Amino acid sequence: MGSSPQSSGRQPIKVIMKPTVANNKPIPVDLDAGEEYYFCTCGKSANQPFCDGSHKGTNFAPKPFVAEETGEAYLCQCKQSLAHCFWIPTKSA
């Protein structure tokens, strides 16, 4: 009989999945101030850059955000670094 990781003292291996690069350029989208959006983090959504549930069964989850302003924004599609993926241009005076 085989032993489980717990009975053998071994720790289970955690697999870290890498996101799919949907595109290497940001995509312009129109956002409405106060609206909540769900940014795709897996890269498999057919509704880029937004989540369509294609991550189900993976360790990915959409990243919710609320638009601060109404207008055009450019959202990343590379999915590699969520900390740097949102760019909302400022209005010129």
PDB file of N, CA and C in Angstrom:
ATOM      1  N   MET A   1       0.837  -1.188   0.000  1.00  0.00           N
ATOM      2  CA  MET A   1       0.000   0.000   0.000  1.00  0.00           C
ATOM      3  C   MET A   1       0.874   1.239   0.000  1.00  0.00           C
ATOM      4  N   GLY A   2       0.441   2.277  -0.722  1.00  0.00           N
ATOM      5  CA  GLY A   2       1.186   3.524  -0.790  1.00  0.00           C
ATOM      6  C   GLY A   2       0.980   4.350   0.462  1.00  0.00           C
ATOM      7  N   SER A   3       1.899   5.225   0.717  1.00  0.00           N
ATOM      8  CA  SER A   3       1.754   6.098   1.872  1.00  0.00           C
ATOM      9  C   SER A   3       1.368   7.490   1.411  1.00  0.00           C
ATOM     10  N   SER A   4       0.617   8.176   2.242  1.00  0.00           N
ATOM     11  CA  SER A   4       0.224   9.551   1.922  1.00  0.00           C
ATOM     12  C   SER A   4       1.342  10.483   2.362  1.00  0.00           C
ATOM     13  N   PRO A   5       1.386  11.721   1.816  1.00  0.00           N
ATOM     14  CA  PRO A   5       2.436  12.658   2.237  1.00  0.00           C
ATOM     15  C   PRO A   5       2.424  12.899   3.738  1.00  0.00           C
ATOM     16  N   GLN A   6       1.228  12.870   4.353  1.00  0.00           N
ATOM     17  CA  GLN A   6       1.147  13.121   5.794  1.00  0.00           C
ATOM     18  C   GLN A   6       1.738  11.954   6.587  1.00  0.00           C
ATOM     19  N   SER A   7       1.452  10.714   6.168  1.00  0.00           N
ATOM     20  CA  SER A   7       1.944   9.577   6.932  1.00  0.00           C
ATOM     21  C   SER A   7       3.436   9.348   6.735  1.00  0.00           C
ATOM     22  N   SER A   8       4.002   9.801   5.627  1.00  0.00           N
ATOM     23  CA  SER A   8       5.419   9.595   5.379  1.00  0.00           C
ATOM     24  C   SER A   8       6.278  10.755   5.883  1.00  0.00           C
ATOM     25  N   GLY A   9       5.634  11.832   6.321  1.00  0.00           N
ATOM     26  CA  GLY A   9       6.369  12.995   6.792  1.00  0.00           C
ATOM     27  C   GLY A   9       6.745  13.958   5.676  1.00  0.00           C
ATOM     28  N   ARG A  10       6.447  13.603   4.426  1.00  0.00           N
ATOM     29  CA  ARG A  10       6.750  14.488   3.295  1.00  0.00           C
ATOM     30  C   ARG A  10       5.654  15.529   3.136  1.00  0.00           C
ATOM     31  N   GLN A  11       6.037  16.677   2.661  1.00  0.00           N
ATOM     32  CA  GLN A  11       5.087  17.754   2.420  1.00  0.00           C
ATOM     33  C   GLN A  11       4.563  17.665   0.986  1.00  0.00           C
ATOM     34  N   PRO A  12       3.270  17.945   0.770  1.00  0.00           N
ATOM     35  CA  PRO A  12       2.755  17.943  -0.601  1.00  0.00           C
ATOM     36  C   PRO A  12       3.403  19.055  -1.419  1.00  0.00           C
ATOM     37  N   ILE A  13       3.546  18.820  -2.698  1.00  0.00           N
ATOM     38  CA  ILE A  13       4.132  19.812  -3.598  1.00  0.00           C
ATOM     39  C   ILE A  13       3.044  20.764  -4.055  1.00  0.00           C
ATOM     40  N   LYS A  14       3.311  22.049  -3.952  1.00  0.00           N
ATOM     41  CA  LYS A  14       2.366  23.055  -4.423  1.00  0.00           C
ATOM     42  C   LYS A  14       2.807  23.498  -5.817  1.00  0.00           C
ATOM     43  N   VAL A  15       1.955  23.304  -6.794  1.00  0.00           N
ATOM     44  CA  VAL A  15       2.268  23.676  -8.166  1.00  0.00           C
ATOM     45  C   VAL A  15       1.868  25.132  -8.386  1.00  0.00           C
ATOM     46  N   ILE A  16       2.811  25.925  -8.851  1.00  0.00           N
ATOM     47  CA  ILE A  16       2.533  27.326  -9.141  1.00  0.00           C
ATOM     48  C   ILE A  16       2.368  27.457 -10.647  1.00  0.00           C
ATOM     49  N   MET A  17       1.179  27.859 -11.049  1.00  0.00           N
ATOM     50  CA  MET A  17       0.892  27.994 -12.470  1.00  0.00           C
ATOM     51  C   MET A  17       1.259  29.396 -12.938  1.00  0.00           C
ATOM     52  N   LYS A  18       1.724  29.492 -14.158  1.00  0.00           N
ATOM     53  CA  LYS A  18       2.020  30.797 -14.744  1.00  0.00           C
ATOM     54  C   LYS A  18       0.855  31.205 -15.628  1.00  0.00           C
ATOM     55  N   PRO A  19       0.516  32.503 -15.628  1.00  0.00           N
ATOM     56  CA  PRO A  19      -0.590  32.948 -16.467  1.00  0.00           C
ATOM     57  C   PRO A  19      -0.229  32.902 -17.947  1.00  0.00           C
ATOM     58  N   THR A  20      -1.246  32.791 -18.769  1.00  0.00           N
ATOM     59  CA  THR A  20      -1.097  32.844 -20.217  1.00  0.00           C
ATOM     60  C   THR A  20      -1.007  34.303 -20.640  1.00  0.00           C
ATOM     61  N   VAL A  21      -0.085  34.622 -21.519  1.00  0.00           N
ATOM     62  CA  VAL A  21       0.016  35.984 -22.046  1.00  0.00           C
ATOM     63  C   VAL A  21      -1.100  36.140 -23.080  1.00  0.00           C
ATOM     64  N   ALA A  22      -2.100  36.948 -22.772  1.00  0.00           N
ATOM     65  CA  ALA A  22      -3.213  37.161 -23.695  1.00  0.00           C
ATOM     66  C   ALA A  22      -2.769  38.024 -24.875  1.00  0.00           C
ATOM     67  N   ASN A  23      -1.915  39.004 -24.587  1.00  0.00           N
ATOM     68  CA  ASN A  23      -1.369  39.893 -25.612  1.00  0.00           C
ATOM     69  C   ASN A  23      -0.207  40.631 -24.974  1.00  0.00           C
ATOM     70  N   ASN A  24       0.710  41.140 -25.773  1.00  0.00           N
ATOM     71  CA  ASN A  24       1.850  41.861 -25.199  1.00  0.00           C
ATOM     72  C   ASN A  24       1.645  43.370 -25.216  1.00  0.00           C
ATOM     73  N   LYS A  25       0.435  43.822 -25.515  1.00  0.00           N
ATOM     74  CA  LYS A  25       0.126  45.256 -25.508  1.00  0.00           C
ATOM     75  C   LYS A  25      -1.093  45.516 -24.629  1.00  0.00           C
ATOM     76  N   PRO A  26      -1.143  46.664 -23.978  1.00  0.00           N
ATOM     77  CA  PRO A  26      -2.338  47.003 -23.207  1.00  0.00           C
ATOM     78  C   PRO A  26      -3.528  47.226 -24.137  1.00  0.00           C
ATOM     79  N   ILE A  27      -4.714  47.060 -23.596  1.00  0.00           N
ATOM     80  CA  ILE A  27      -5.932  47.228 -24.376  1.00  0.00           C
ATOM     81  C   ILE A  27      -6.720  48.421 -23.824  1.00  0.00           C
ATOM     82  N   PRO A  28      -7.192  49.324 -24.699  1.00  0.00           N
ATOM     83  CA  PRO A  28      -7.999  50.443 -24.211  1.00  0.00           C
ATOM     84  C   PRO A  28      -9.414  49.961 -23.873  1.00  0.00           C
ATOM     85  N   VAL A  29      -9.905  50.393 -22.734  1.00  0.00           N
ATOM     86  CA  VAL A  29     -11.269  50.069 -22.309  1.00  0.00           C
ATOM     87  C   VAL A  29     -11.917  51.318 -21.733  1.00  0.00           C
ATOM     88  N   ASP A  30     -13.221  51.403 -21.833  1.00  0.00           N
ATOM     89  CA  ASP A  30     -13.966  52.496 -21.212  1.00  0.00           C
ATOM     90  C   ASP A  30     -14.465  52.036 -19.855  1.00  0.00           C
ATOM     91  N   LEU A  31     -14.142  52.810 -18.825  1.00  0.00           N
ATOM     92  CA  LEU A  31     -14.550  52.484 -17.462  1.00  0.00           C
ATOM     93  C   LEU A  31     -15.507  53.553 -16.947  1.00  0.00           C
ATOM     94  N   ASP A  32     -16.399  53.150 -16.045  1.00  0.00           N
ATOM     95  CA  ASP A  32     -17.331  54.073 -15.413  1.00  0.00           C
ATOM     96  C   ASP A  32     -16.966  54.218 -13.940  1.00  0.00           C
ATOM     97  N   ALA A  33     -16.831  55.462 -13.483  1.00  0.00           N
ATOM     98  CA  ALA A  33     -16.465  55.735 -12.094  1.00  0.00           C
ATOM     99  C   ALA A  33     -17.431  55.033 -11.144  1.00  0.00           C
ATOM    100  N   GLY A  34     -16.860  54.383 -10.133  1.00  0.00           N
ATOM    101  CA  GLY A  34     -17.655  53.708  -9.114  1.00  0.00           C
ATOM    102  C   GLY A  34     -18.066  52.287  -9.483  1.00  0.00           C
ATOM    103  N   GLU A  35     -17.875  51.885 -10.732  1.00  0.00           N
ATOM    104  CA  GLU A  35     -18.215  50.523 -11.177  1.00  0.00           C
ATOM    105  C   GLU A  35     -17.130  49.550 -10.752  1.00  0.00           C
ATOM    106  N   GLU A  36     -17.545  48.350 -10.359  1.00  0.00           N
ATOM    107  CA  GLU A  36     -16.585  47.304 -10.021  1.00  0.00           C
ATOM    108  C   GLU A  36     -16.341  46.440 -11.249  1.00  0.00           C
ATOM    109  N   TYR A  37     -15.076  46.145 -11.500  1.00  0.00           N
ATOM    110  CA  TYR A  37     -14.664  45.317 -12.632  1.00  0.00           C
ATOM    111  C   TYR A  37     -13.813  44.171 -12.103  1.00  0.00           C
ATOM    112  N   TYR A  38     -13.718  43.108 -12.893  1.00  0.00           N
ATOM    113  CA  TYR A  38     -12.939  41.936 -12.503  1.00  0.00           C
ATOM    114  C   TYR A  38     -11.888  41.667 -13.574  1.00  0.00           C
ATOM    115  N   PHE A  39     -10.652  42.013 -13.252  1.00  0.00           N
ATOM    116  CA  PHE A  39      -9.519  41.881 -14.157  1.00  0.00           C
ATOM    117  C   PHE A  39      -9.093  40.417 -14.241  1.00  0.00           C
ATOM    118  N   CYS A  40      -8.931  39.904 -15.459  1.00  0.00           N
ATOM    119  CA  CYS A  40      -8.478  38.527 -15.678  1.00  0.00           C
ATOM    120  C   CYS A  40      -7.012  38.411 -15.269  1.00  0.00           C
ATOM    121  N   THR A  41      -6.697  37.432 -14.434  1.00  0.00           N
ATOM    122  CA  THR A  41      -5.308  37.197 -14.031  1.00  0.00           C
ATOM    123  C   THR A  41      -4.717  35.945 -14.665  1.00  0.00           C
ATOM    124  N   CYS A  42      -5.574  35.090 -15.246  1.00  0.00           N
ATOM    125  CA  CYS A  42      -5.071  33.825 -15.821  1.00  0.00           C
ATOM    126  C   CYS A  42      -4.657  33.976 -17.283  1.00  0.00           C
ATOM    127  N   GLY A  43      -5.232  34.961 -17.989  1.00  0.00           N
ATOM    128  CA  GLY A  43      -4.920  35.182 -19.387  1.00  0.00           C
ATOM    129  C   GLY A  43      -5.755  34.355 -20.350  1.00  0.00           C
ATOM    130  N   LYS A  44      -6.657  33.517 -19.844  1.00  0.00           N
ATOM    131  CA  LYS A  44      -7.442  32.633 -20.708  1.00  0.00           C
ATOM    132  C   LYS A  44      -8.825  33.188 -21.063  1.00  0.00           C
ATOM    133  N   SER A  45      -9.220  34.286 -20.467  1.00  0.00           N
ATOM    134  CA  SER A  45     -10.542  34.848 -20.728  1.00  0.00           C
ATOM    135  C   SER A  45     -10.695  35.253 -22.189  1.00  0.00           C
ATOM    136  N   ALA A  46     -11.857  34.973 -22.754  1.00  0.00           N
ATOM    137  CA  ALA A  46     -12.166  35.411 -24.117  1.00  0.00           C
ATOM    138  C   ALA A  46     -12.658  36.859 -24.104  1.00  0.00           C
ATOM    139  N   ASN A  47     -12.804  37.422 -22.909  1.00  0.00           N
ATOM    140  CA  ASN A  47     -13.306  38.780 -22.734  1.00  0.00           C
ATOM    141  C   ASN A  47     -12.207  39.690 -22.174  1.00  0.00           C
ATOM    142  N   GLN A  48     -10.986  39.579 -22.684  1.00  0.00           N
ATOM    143  CA  GLN A  48      -9.842  40.353 -22.179  1.00  0.00           C
ATOM    144  C   GLN A  48     -10.139  41.845 -22.219  1.00  0.00           C
ATOM    145  N   PRO A  49      -9.723  42.558 -21.200  1.00  0.00           N
ATOM    146  CA  PRO A  49      -8.892  42.152 -20.075  1.00  0.00           C
ATOM    147  C   PRO A  49      -9.692  41.692 -18.863  1.00  0.00           C
ATOM    148  N   PHE A  50     -10.982  41.454 -19.052  1.00  0.00           N
ATOM    149  CA  PHE A  50     -11.851  41.116 -17.936  1.00  0.00           C
ATOM    150  C   PHE A  50     -12.067  39.606 -17.819  1.00  0.00           C
ATOM    151  N   CYS A  51     -12.403  39.171 -16.619  1.00  0.00           N
ATOM    152  CA  CYS A  51     -12.599  37.760 -16.321  1.00  0.00           C
ATOM    153  C   CYS A  51     -13.913  37.246 -16.930  1.00  0.00           C
ATOM    154  N   ASP A  52     -13.859  36.030 -17.469  1.00  0.00           N
ATOM    155  CA  ASP A  52     -15.080  35.361 -17.924  1.00  0.00           C
ATOM    156  C   ASP A  52     -15.262  34.001 -17.248  1.00  0.00           C
ATOM    157  N   GLY A  53     -14.466  33.726 -16.210  1.00  0.00           N
ATOM    158  CA  GLY A  53     -14.576  32.471 -15.481  1.00  0.00           C
ATOM    159  C   GLY A  53     -13.698  31.354 -16.012  1.00  0.00           C
ATOM    160  N   SER A  54     -12.886  31.639 -17.027  1.00  0.00           N
ATOM    161  CA  SER A  54     -12.032  30.603 -17.621  1.00  0.00           C
ATOM    162  C   SER A  54     -10.981  30.066 -16.657  1.00  0.00           C
ATOM    163  N   HIS A  55     -10.759  30.742 -15.537  1.00  0.00           N
ATOM    164  CA  HIS A  55      -9.763  30.313 -14.550  1.00  0.00           C
ATOM    165  C   HIS A  55     -10.251  29.151 -13.692  1.00  0.00           C
ATOM    166  N   LYS A  56     -11.524  28.798 -13.766  1.00  0.00           N
ATOM    167  CA  LYS A  56     -12.062  27.751 -12.895  1.00  0.00           C
ATOM    168  C   LYS A  56     -11.215  26.485 -12.991  1.00  0.00           C
ATOM    169  N   GLY A  57     -10.915  25.904 -11.832  1.00  0.00           N
ATOM    170  CA  GLY A  57     -10.091  24.716 -11.776  1.00  0.00           C
ATOM    171  C   GLY A  57      -8.605  25.010 -11.688  1.00  0.00           C
ATOM    172  N   THR A  58      -8.240  26.295 -11.622  1.00  0.00           N
ATOM    173  CA  THR A  58      -6.834  26.690 -11.493  1.00  0.00           C
ATOM    174  C   THR A  58      -6.648  27.422 -10.170  1.00  0.00           C
ATOM    175  N   ASN A  59      -5.435  27.875  -9.901  1.00  0.00           N
ATOM    176  CA  ASN A  59      -5.190  28.662  -8.691  1.00  0.00           C
ATOM    177  C   ASN A  59      -5.328  30.161  -8.952  1.00  0.00           C
ATOM    178  N   PHE A  60      -5.866  30.548 -10.105  1.00  0.00           N
ATOM    179  CA  PHE A  60      -6.063  31.955 -10.424  1.00  0.00           C
ATOM    180  C   PHE A  60      -7.444  32.419  -9.962  1.00  0.00           C
ATOM    181  N   ALA A  61      -7.537  33.705  -9.699  1.00  0.00           N
ATOM    182  CA  ALA A  61      -8.809  34.340  -9.348  1.00  0.00           C
ATOM    183  C   ALA A  61      -8.795  35.730  -9.964  1.00  0.00           C
ATOM    184  N   PRO A  62      -9.953  36.251 -10.331  1.00  0.00           N
ATOM    185  CA  PRO A  62      -9.976  37.602 -10.894  1.00  0.00           C
ATOM    186  C   PRO A  62      -9.555  38.631  -9.842  1.00  0.00           C
ATOM    187  N   LYS A  63      -9.022  39.744 -10.319  1.00  0.00           N
ATOM    188  CA  LYS A  63      -8.620  40.827  -9.420  1.00  0.00           C
ATOM    189  C   LYS A  63      -9.690  41.926  -9.512  1.00  0.00           C
ATOM    190  N   PRO A  64     -10.511  42.061  -8.466  1.00  0.00           N
ATOM    191  CA  PRO A  64     -11.550  43.099  -8.513  1.00  0.00           C
ATOM    192  C   PRO A  64     -10.944  44.483  -8.333  1.00  0.00           C
ATOM    193  N   PHE A  65     -11.518  45.455  -9.036  1.00  0.00           N
ATOM    194  CA  PHE A  65     -11.134  46.851  -8.821  1.00  0.00           C
ATOM    195  C   PHE A  65     -12.325  47.741  -9.138  1.00  0.00           C
ATOM    196  N   VAL A  66     -12.323  48.911  -8.530  1.00  0.00           N
ATOM    197  CA  VAL A  66     -13.367  49.902  -8.759  1.00  0.00           C
ATOM    198  C   VAL A  66     -12.736  51.081  -9.492  1.00  0.00           C
ATOM    199  N   ALA A  67     -13.347  51.463 -10.609  1.00  0.00           N
ATOM    200  CA  ALA A  67     -12.824  52.592 -11.393  1.00  0.00           C
ATOM    201  C   ALA A  67     -12.999  53.885 -10.600  1.00  0.00           C
ATOM    202  N   GLU A  68     -11.933  54.658 -10.531  1.00  0.00           N
ATOM    203  CA  GLU A  68     -11.979  55.925  -9.819  1.00  0.00           C
ATOM    204  C   GLU A  68     -12.525  57.047 -10.687  1.00  0.00           C
ATOM    205  N   GLU A  69     -12.349  56.913 -12.004  1.00  0.00           N
ATOM    206  CA  GLU A  69     -12.812  57.943 -12.932  1.00  0.00           C
ATOM    207  C   GLU A  69     -13.527  57.288 -14.101  1.00  0.00           C
ATOM    208  N   THR A  70     -14.397  58.045 -14.739  1.00  0.00           N
ATOM    209  CA  THR A  70     -15.027  57.595 -15.980  1.00  0.00           C
ATOM    210  C   THR A  70     -14.121  57.993 -17.125  1.00  0.00           C
ATOM    211  N   GLY A  71     -13.927  57.082 -18.055  1.00  0.00           N
ATOM    212  CA  GLY A  71     -13.106  57.396 -19.220  1.00  0.00           C
ATOM    213  C   GLY A  71     -12.314  56.200 -19.691  1.00  0.00           C
ATOM    214  N   GLU A  72     -11.444  56.446 -20.651  1.00  0.00           N
ATOM    215  CA  GLU A  72     -10.624  55.402 -21.229  1.00  0.00           C
ATOM    216  C   GLU A  72      -9.442  55.086 -20.324  1.00  0.00           C
ATOM    217  N   ALA A  73      -9.168  53.803 -20.194  1.00  0.00           N
ATOM    218  CA  ALA A  73      -8.005  53.331 -19.441  1.00  0.00           C
ATOM    219  C   ALA A  73      -7.341  52.244 -20.277  1.00  0.00           C
ATOM    220  N   TYR A  74      -6.080  52.006 -20.028  1.00  0.00           N
ATOM    221  CA  TYR A  74      -5.340  50.960 -20.728  1.00  0.00           C
ATOM    222  C   TYR A  74      -4.990  49.879 -19.717  1.00  0.00           C
ATOM    223  N   LEU A  75      -5.472  48.678 -19.955  1.00  0.00           N
ATOM    224  CA  LEU A  75      -5.228  47.582 -19.030  1.00  0.00           C
ATOM    225  C   LEU A  75      -4.336  46.543 -19.695  1.00  0.00           C
ATOM    226  N   CYS A  76      -3.386  46.068 -18.934  1.00  0.00           N
ATOM    227  CA  CYS A  76      -2.389  45.112 -19.417  1.00  0.00           C
ATOM    228  C   CYS A  76      -3.035  43.782 -19.776  1.00  0.00           C
ATOM    229  N   GLN A  77      -2.450  43.114 -20.749  1.00  0.00           N
ATOM    230  CA  GLN A  77      -2.908  41.786 -21.127  1.00  0.00           C
ATOM    231  C   GLN A  77      -1.811  40.737 -20.983  1.00  0.00           C
ATOM    232  N   CYS A  78      -0.617  41.142 -20.505  1.00  0.00           N
ATOM    233  CA  CYS A  78       0.479  40.171 -20.385  1.00  0.00           C
ATOM    234  C   CYS A  78       0.300  39.271 -19.167  1.00  0.00           C
ATOM    235  N   LYS A  79      -0.361  39.771 -18.130  1.00  0.00           N
ATOM    236  CA  LYS A  79      -0.680  38.998 -16.919  1.00  0.00           C
ATOM    237  C   LYS A  79       0.539  38.597 -16.101  1.00  0.00           C
ATOM    238  N   GLN A  80       1.674  39.213 -16.343  1.00  0.00           N
ATOM    239  CA  GLN A  80       2.906  38.802 -15.679  1.00  0.00           C
ATOM    240  C   GLN A  80       3.190  39.536 -14.372  1.00  0.00           C
ATOM    241  N   SER A  81       2.738  40.764 -14.232  1.00  0.00           N
ATOM    242  CA  SER A  81       3.034  41.538 -13.031  1.00  0.00           C
ATOM    243  C   SER A  81       1.846  42.424 -12.696  1.00  0.00           C
ATOM    244  N   LEU A  82       0.930  41.914 -11.910  1.00  0.00           N
ATOM    245  CA  LEU A  82      -0.297  42.658 -11.617  1.00  0.00           C
ATOM    246  C   LEU A  82      -0.048  43.995 -10.927  1.00  0.00           C
ATOM    247  N   ALA A  83       1.078  44.130 -10.271  1.00  0.00           N
ATOM    248  CA  ALA A  83       1.358  45.394  -9.586  1.00  0.00           C
ATOM    249  C   ALA A  83       1.553  46.544 -10.564  1.00  0.00           C
ATOM    250  N   HIS A  84       1.884  46.255 -11.825  1.00  0.00           N
ATOM    251  CA  HIS A  84       2.179  47.310 -12.788  1.00  0.00           C
ATOM    252  C   HIS A  84       1.254  47.275 -14.001  1.00  0.00           C
ATOM    253  N   CYS A  85       0.120  46.625 -13.885  1.00  0.00           N
ATOM    254  CA  CYS A  85      -0.700  46.375 -15.067  1.00  0.00           C
ATOM    255  C   CYS A  85      -1.795  47.389 -15.346  1.00  0.00           C
ATOM    256  N   PHE A  86      -2.061  48.282 -14.459  1.00  0.00           N
ATOM    257  CA  PHE A  86      -3.152  49.221 -14.669  1.00  0.00           C
ATOM    258  C   PHE A  86      -2.595  50.597 -14.993  1.00  0.00           C
ATOM    259  N   TRP A  87      -3.089  51.197 -16.052  1.00  0.00           N
ATOM    260  CA  TRP A  87      -2.680  52.554 -16.392  1.00  0.00           C
ATOM    261  C   TRP A  87      -3.899  53.328 -16.809  1.00  0.00           C
ATOM    262  N   ILE A  88      -4.215  54.354 -16.047  1.00  0.00           N
ATOM    263  CA  ILE A  88      -5.325  55.234 -16.389  1.00  0.00           C
ATOM    264  C   ILE A  88      -4.719  56.595 -16.674  1.00  0.00           C
ATOM    265  N   PRO A  89      -4.771  57.040 -17.942  1.00  0.00           N
ATOM    266  CA  PRO A  89      -4.142  58.318 -18.280  1.00  0.00           C
ATOM    267  C   PRO A  89      -4.817  59.486 -17.574  1.00  0.00           C
ATOM    268  N   THR A  90      -4.019  60.460 -17.228  1.00  0.00           N
ATOM    269  CA  THR A  90      -4.576  61.657 -16.611  1.00  0.00           C
ATOM    270  C   THR A  90      -5.039  62.614 -17.708  1.00  0.00           C
ATOM    271  N   LYS A  91      -6.035  63.389 -17.375  1.00  0.00           N
ATOM    272  CA  LYS A  91      -6.565  64.355 -18.353  1.00  0.00           C
ATOM    273  C   LYS A  91      -5.627  65.542 -18.420  1.00  0.00           C
ATOM    274  N   SER A  92      -5.348  66.015 -19.616  1.00  0.00           N
ATOM    275  CA  SER A  92      -4.498  67.190 -19.742  1.00  0.00           C
ATOM    276  C   SER A  92      -5.316  68.447 -19.502  1.00  0.00           C
ATOM    277  N   ALA A  93      -4.657  69.444 -18.936  1.00  0.00           N
ATOM    278  CA  ALA A  93      -5.349  70.688 -18.580  1.00  0.00           C
ATOM    279  C   ALA A  93      -5.567  71.564 -19.792  1.00  0.00           C
TER     280      ALA A  93
END
